[in-house]
Amino acid sequence: MQVKAIAKGVRVSPRKVGLVAALIRGRTVADALIILEHTPRRAATPVLKTIKSAQANADNNHNVKPDTLKIVEISVTPGPRLKRFRPAARGMALPYQKKTSHIRVVVDGEIRAPKKKVEKEAK
């Protein structure tokens, strides 16, 4: 069953996050977590958190075995830009933009067997 997690408005440029996402595309969740923990880029932290969120969603909400999870899709799209101005020489103002990203992770794995209900004995 496919389970997703989305992180919106991450304050890192989509180009930078896309490089980190390319490292783990198509891998198992366990491999991806190890790779991201050892990746020395600032964009690795929000991607790691989004994957952990997808893993928790699969485990708690959709009854999927956490050991069998694999990343089916990871996409990074640009979010809203914060437009700012920087003071410059001769009273000018130079515009710049603070870019944001949306990270979407979809994982898939085996569904656990449903637990058998235990009936309580009457006293």
Protein backbone atom coordinates (compact mmCIF):
# COMPACT_ATOMS: atom_id res chain seq x y z
CA MET A 1 0.00 0.00 0.00
CA GLN A 2 1.36 3.40 -0.92
CA VAL A 3 1.73 5.90 1.91
CA LYS A 4 2.86 9.52 1.52
CA ALA A 5 4.26 12.38 3.56
CA ILE A 6 4.59 15.99 2.44
CA ALA A 7 6.77 18.77 3.88
CA LYS A 8 5.67 22.18 2.65
CA GLY A 9 7.47 25.50 2.78
CA VAL A 10 10.92 24.10 3.56
CA ARG A 11 13.34 27.04 3.59
CA VAL A 12 15.88 25.49 1.20
CA SER A 13 16.07 26.04 -2.54
CA PRO A 14 14.38 23.29 -4.61
CA ARG A 15 17.55 22.88 -6.66
CA LYS A 16 19.57 22.03 -3.55
CA VAL A 17 16.91 19.67 -2.17
CA GLY A 18 16.64 17.95 -5.57
CA LEU A 19 20.31 16.97 -5.45
CA VAL A 20 19.80 15.26 -2.09
CA ALA A 21 16.56 13.60 -3.25
CA ALA A 22 18.38 12.11 -6.24
CA LEU A 23 20.73 10.26 -3.88
CA ILE A 24 17.94 8.17 -2.36
CA ARG A 25 15.41 7.81 -5.17
CA GLY A 26 14.32 4.16 -5.54
CA ARG A 27 16.10 2.85 -2.42
CA THR A 28 14.73 1.16 0.68
CA VAL A 29 13.83 3.42 3.60
CA ALA A 30 16.54 1.90 5.82
CA ASP A 31 19.23 2.59 3.18
CA ALA A 32 17.92 6.12 2.60
CA LEU A 33 18.05 6.97 6.31
CA ILE A 34 21.68 5.82 6.58
CA ILE A 35 22.69 7.75 3.44
CA LEU A 36 20.98 10.96 4.60
CA GLU A 37 22.50 10.79 8.10
CA HIS A 38 25.96 10.84 6.48
CA THR A 39 25.23 13.45 3.79
CA PRO A 40 26.92 16.78 4.64
CA ARG A 41 24.29 19.08 3.12
CA ARG A 42 21.75 21.28 4.87
CA ALA A 43 18.99 19.95 2.59
CA ALA A 44 19.51 16.42 3.96
CA THR A 45 17.74 17.23 7.25
CA PRO A 46 14.27 18.12 5.88
CA VAL A 47 14.40 15.17 3.45
CA LEU A 48 15.32 12.85 6.34
CA LYS A 49 12.43 14.18 8.45
CA THR A 50 9.96 13.72 5.60
CA ILE A 51 11.06 10.10 5.06
CA LYS A 52 10.77 9.38 8.78
CA SER A 53 7.28 10.90 8.71
CA ALA A 54 6.27 8.66 5.79
CA GLN A 55 7.68 5.67 7.66
CA ALA A 56 5.68 6.56 10.79
CA ASN A 57 2.52 7.10 8.73
CA ALA A 58 2.91 3.67 7.15
CA ASP A 59 3.58 1.96 10.47
CA ASN A 60 0.94 3.66 12.62
CA ASN A 61 -1.87 4.61 10.24
CA HIS A 62 -1.76 2.02 7.47
CA ASN A 63 -0.48 -1.11 9.27
CA VAL A 64 2.52 -1.62 6.94
CA LYS A 65 5.66 -3.49 8.05
CA PRO A 66 8.42 -0.88 8.57
CA ASP A 67 11.18 -3.30 7.47
CA THR A 68 9.70 -3.74 3.98
CA LEU A 69 9.31 -0.06 3.09
CA LYS A 70 10.77 1.20 -0.18
CA ILE A 71 10.75 4.73 -1.61
CA VAL A 72 8.49 4.64 -4.67
CA GLU A 73 8.54 8.35 -5.42
CA ILE A 74 10.31 11.42 -4.09
CA SER A 75 9.60 14.76 -5.71
CA VAL A 76 10.70 18.29 -4.94
CA THR A 77 8.68 21.23 -6.24
CA PRO A 78 9.21 24.95 -5.72
CA GLY A 79 7.13 26.62 -3.03
CA PRO A 80 6.29 30.29 -2.56
CA ARG A 81 9.16 32.75 -2.73
CA LEU A 82 9.78 35.39 -0.11
CA LYS A 83 10.63 38.62 -1.93
CA ARG A 84 13.06 40.89 -0.10
CA PHE A 85 15.22 43.96 -0.81
CA ARG A 86 18.84 44.62 0.10
CA PRO A 87 20.19 48.16 0.51
CA ALA A 88 22.81 49.12 -2.07
CA ALA A 89 25.00 52.07 -2.97
CA ARG A 90 23.55 55.50 -3.81
CA GLY A 91 20.24 54.82 -2.04
CA MET A 92 19.24 51.94 -4.31
CA ALA A 93 17.51 48.74 -3.23
CA LEU A 94 18.40 45.43 -4.90
CA PRO A 95 15.71 42.71 -4.94
CA TYR A 96 16.40 39.09 -4.02
CA GLN A 97 14.23 36.05 -3.35
CA LYS A 98 14.31 33.47 -0.57
CA LYS A 99 13.21 30.25 -2.23
CA THR A 100 11.19 27.49 -0.54
CA SER A 101 10.46 23.87 -1.44
CA HIS A 102 7.75 21.26 -1.10
CA ILE A 103 9.03 17.69 -0.54
CA ARG A 104 6.71 14.76 -1.31
CA VAL A 105 7.72 11.19 -0.40
CA VAL A 106 5.71 8.07 -1.29
CA VAL A 107 6.68 4.72 0.26
CA ASP A 108 5.32 1.24 -0.31
CA GLY A 109 5.59 -2.03 1.62
CA GLU A 110 3.89 -5.22 2.79
CA ILE A 111 0.75 -4.98 4.91
CA ARG A 112 0.86 -6.74 8.29
CA ALA A 113 -1.49 -9.61 9.01
CA PRO A 114 -4.41 -8.38 11.11
CA LYS A 115 -4.20 -9.23 14.81
CA LYS A 116 -6.64 -11.79 16.14
CA LYS A 117 -9.08 -10.46 18.71
CA VAL A 118 -8.84 -12.09 22.12
CA GLU A 119 -12.16 -12.52 23.90
CA LYS A 120 -12.16 -11.79 27.61
CA GLU A 121 -13.47 -14.45 29.96
CA ALA A 122 -16.67 -13.67 31.85
CA LYS A 123 -16.27 -13.59 35.64
